[in-house]
Protein backbone atom coordinates (compact mmCIF):
# COMPACT_ATOMS: atom_id res chain seq x y z
CA UNK A 1 9.46 104.31 -26.54
CA UNK A 2 5.79 105.20 -26.08
CA UNK A 3 3.37 106.90 -28.49
CA UNK A 4 0.36 108.90 -27.32
CA UNK A 5 -1.98 109.82 -30.18
CA UNK A 6 -4.76 112.39 -29.85
CA UNK A 7 -7.33 112.06 -32.65
CA UNK A 8 -9.05 115.01 -34.27
CA UNK A 9 -9.32 117.13 -37.38
CA UNK A 10 -6.88 119.96 -38.15
CA UNK A 11 -8.08 123.50 -38.76
CA UNK A 12 -9.85 126.28 -36.89
CA UNK A 13 -13.32 125.18 -38.03
CA UNK A 14 -12.90 121.87 -36.17
CA UNK A 15 -11.54 123.26 -32.89
CA UNK A 16 -13.60 122.20 -29.88
CA UNK A 17 -15.87 119.91 -31.88
CA UNK A 18 -16.95 116.56 -30.48
CA UNK A 19 -14.65 114.67 -32.85
CA UNK A 20 -11.62 116.60 -31.56
CA UNK A 21 -11.66 115.22 -28.02
CA UNK A 22 -8.30 113.54 -28.65
CA UNK A 23 -6.69 116.83 -29.68
CA UNK A 24 -8.26 118.58 -26.66
CA UNK A 25 -6.93 116.04 -24.17
CA UNK A 26 -3.46 116.00 -25.73
CA UNK A 27 -3.33 119.82 -25.85
CA UNK A 28 -4.15 119.97 -22.13
CA UNK A 29 -1.48 117.37 -21.39
CA UNK A 30 1.07 119.35 -23.38
CA UNK A 31 0.13 122.55 -21.56
CA UNK A 32 0.30 120.85 -18.14
CA UNK A 33 3.83 119.65 -18.94
CA UNK A 34 5.03 122.86 -20.66
CA UNK A 35 5.42 121.05 -23.99
CA UNK A 36 4.57 122.09 -27.55
CA UNK A 37 4.03 120.15 -30.75
CA UNK A 38 7.30 121.39 -32.23
CA UNK A 39 7.73 118.98 -35.15
CA UNK A 40 5.71 118.83 -38.35
CA UNK A 41 6.45 115.55 -40.09
CA UNK A 42 4.86 112.15 -40.83
CA UNK A 43 1.53 113.85 -41.69
CA UNK A 44 1.29 115.02 -38.12
CA UNK A 45 2.38 117.48 -35.49
CA UNK A 46 4.29 115.97 -32.62
CA UNK A 47 6.91 116.37 -29.98
CA UNK A 48 9.45 113.96 -28.59
CA UNK A 49 10.12 114.14 -24.87
CA UNK A 50 11.08 112.02 -21.89
CA UNK A 51 8.61 111.05 -19.19
CA UNK A 52 9.71 108.88 -16.26
CA UNK A 53 13.02 108.26 -18.03
CA UNK A 54 11.24 106.90 -21.10
CA UNK A 55 11.19 108.42 -24.59
CA UNK A 56 7.68 109.49 -25.58
CA UNK A 57 6.11 110.83 -28.77
CA UNK A 58 2.95 112.93 -28.41
CA UNK A 59 1.19 113.06 -31.81
CA UNK A 60 -1.77 114.81 -33.41
CA UNK A 61 -2.27 113.46 -36.95
CA UNK A 62 -2.97 116.23 -39.47
CA UNK A 63 -4.51 113.92 -42.08
CA UNK A 64 -8.10 114.49 -40.99
CA UNK A 65 -9.78 111.88 -38.85
CA UNK A 66 -10.52 109.27 -41.52
CA UNK A 67 -6.84 108.92 -42.49
CA UNK A 68 -5.29 109.02 -39.01
CA UNK A 69 -3.62 105.66 -39.53
CA UNK A 70 -1.23 107.11 -42.12
CA UNK A 71 0.43 109.34 -39.55
CA UNK A 72 0.41 106.75 -36.76
CA UNK A 73 2.00 104.11 -39.02
CA UNK A 74 4.75 106.49 -40.19
CA UNK A 75 5.70 107.50 -36.65
CA UNK A 76 5.65 103.88 -35.46
CA UNK A 77 7.87 102.75 -38.33
CA UNK A 78 10.35 105.61 -38.04
CA UNK A 79 10.77 105.35 -34.27
CA UNK A 80 10.36 101.53 -34.14
CA UNK A 81 7.50 101.76 -31.64
CA UNK A 82 5.86 98.53 -30.52
CA UNK A 83 2.07 98.21 -30.80
CA UNK A 84 1.95 97.54 -27.02
CA UNK A 85 3.36 101.02 -26.36
CA UNK A 86 0.63 103.02 -28.12
CA UNK A 87 -2.29 104.85 -26.48
CA UNK A 88 -4.90 106.44 -28.77
CA UNK A 89 -7.22 109.10 -27.32
CA UNK A 90 -10.58 109.15 -29.11
CA UNK A 91 -14.17 110.30 -28.86
CA UNK A 92 -16.93 107.71 -28.41
CA UNK A 93 -20.53 108.17 -29.54
CA UNK A 94 -21.80 105.19 -27.58
CA UNK A 95 -20.90 106.60 -24.16
CA UNK A 96 -22.54 109.50 -22.36
CA UNK A 97 -20.74 112.83 -22.39
CA UNK A 98 -17.66 112.79 -20.20
CA UNK A 99 -17.66 109.06 -19.45
CA UNK A 100 -14.16 107.61 -19.73
CA UNK A 101 -13.17 104.08 -20.60
CA UNK A 102 -9.84 102.41 -21.26
CA UNK A 103 -9.94 99.56 -23.78
CA UNK A 104 -7.57 97.24 -25.53
CA UNK A 105 -8.22 94.95 -28.50
CA UNK A 106 -11.72 96.25 -29.22
CA UNK A 107 -13.61 97.01 -32.40
CA UNK A 108 -13.71 100.46 -33.94
CA UNK A 109 -17.37 100.85 -33.02
CA UNK A 110 -17.83 102.64 -36.34
CA UNK A 111 -15.21 105.31 -35.52
CA UNK A 112 -13.54 106.07 -38.86
CA UNK A 113 -10.27 107.29 -37.35
CA UNK A 114 -9.93 104.06 -35.37
CA UNK A 115 -10.93 102.00 -38.43
CA UNK A 116 -8.13 103.61 -40.42
CA UNK A 117 -5.57 103.01 -37.68
CA UNK A 118 -6.66 99.36 -37.49
CA UNK A 119 -6.33 99.04 -41.26
CA UNK A 120 -2.89 100.70 -41.44
CA UNK A 121 -1.53 98.75 -38.45
CA UNK A 122 -3.16 95.49 -39.48
CA UNK A 123 -4.60 94.96 -36.00
CA UNK A 124 -7.03 96.36 -33.44
CA UNK A 125 -4.65 95.31 -30.67
CA UNK A 126 -3.75 98.75 -29.36
CA UNK A 127 -4.76 100.66 -26.24
CA UNK A 128 -7.42 103.34 -26.26
CA UNK A 129 -8.60 106.08 -23.99
CA UNK A 130 -12.22 106.69 -24.96
CA UNK A 131 -14.10 109.83 -23.93
CA UNK A 132 -17.86 109.84 -24.34
CA UNK A 133 -19.54 112.46 -26.48
CA UNK A 134 -23.02 110.88 -26.35
CA UNK A 135 -25.15 110.71 -29.48
CA UNK A 136 -28.12 112.55 -30.89
CA UNK A 137 -30.05 109.99 -32.95
CA UNK A 138 -32.12 112.84 -34.42
CA UNK A 139 -29.08 114.31 -36.19
CA UNK A 140 -26.84 113.05 -38.93
CA UNK A 141 -23.80 111.44 -37.26
CA UNK A 142 -21.31 113.48 -39.29
CA UNK A 143 -23.02 116.75 -38.37
CA UNK A 144 -23.20 115.70 -34.73
CA UNK A 145 -19.52 114.73 -34.31
CA UNK A 146 -18.42 117.90 -36.10
CA UNK A 147 -20.69 120.02 -33.90
CA UNK A 148 -19.67 122.02 -30.84
CA UNK A 149 -20.39 121.10 -27.24
CA UNK A 150 -23.12 122.80 -25.23
CA UNK A 151 -22.14 124.81 -22.14
CA UNK A 152 -23.39 121.98 -19.92
CA UNK A 153 -21.35 119.39 -21.82
CA UNK A 154 -18.22 121.55 -21.55
CA UNK A 155 -18.62 121.67 -17.77
CA UNK A 156 -18.91 117.87 -17.60
CA UNK A 157 -15.90 117.43 -19.88
CA UNK A 158 -13.66 119.70 -17.80
CA UNK A 159 -13.85 117.16 -14.95
CA UNK A 160 -13.28 114.30 -17.38
CA UNK A 161 -10.24 116.01 -18.87
CA UNK A 162 -8.58 116.15 -15.44
CA UNK A 163 -9.05 112.39 -15.11
CA UNK A 164 -7.68 111.85 -18.64
CA UNK A 165 -4.50 113.73 -17.72
CA UNK A 166 -4.08 111.48 -14.68
CA UNK A 167 -4.62 108.42 -16.88
CA UNK A 168 -1.87 109.54 -19.27
CA UNK A 169 0.50 110.12 -16.34
CA UNK A 170 -0.34 106.67 -14.97
CA UNK A 171 0.09 105.07 -18.42
CA UNK A 172 3.82 105.66 -17.98
CA UNK A 173 3.87 104.07 -14.51
CA UNK A 174 1.35 101.20 -14.54
CA UNK A 175 0.59 97.98 -16.31
CA UNK A 176 -2.43 98.55 -18.59
CA UNK A 177 -4.60 95.96 -16.83
CA UNK A 178 -4.02 97.78 -13.53
CA UNK A 179 -4.70 101.09 -15.26
CA UNK A 180 -8.05 99.79 -16.58
CA UNK A 181 -8.90 98.44 -13.14
CA UNK A 182 -8.17 101.80 -11.53
CA UNK A 183 -10.10 104.00 -13.97
CA UNK A 184 -12.81 101.84 -15.56
CA UNK A 185 -14.59 101.38 -12.22
CA UNK A 186 -15.77 105.00 -12.22
């Protein structure tokens, strides 16, 4: 069984903010595949489906970003999901807007949602799909990540989102090293 986690903050006021990239990507993937988050349990909204003859959970934690690990841990424990079968979709301040990078076994880079997942899982050995949101050093980080994208940034991200959907599809078909080789060269 696989687990795809989109990170973000619940609530209307956080929709389409920089920190909600994970929710945005997962929502687009759900829409593309005519799926809905139809279960509300484990401090998250999720759906269970089958992709390429494999059971898959698509999860959006509803704990707010800084406590995302609570939801991830509960789903993993309940469904007996192996750490090697998890992909977390996150925003990344240290990459330019729209840049995409797949990583495994890396540090949180100061991302509080990732820090909490690492703490709750007891390891940083899980796969990540990082989407760049850039950084504005002249603004408080919290205000920046909770801010909305400019029109120009939205246009850049639309192209990146298409690639992210392809990455998720390929996650079910390819070894992760091959997946990184295919998409990290961009």
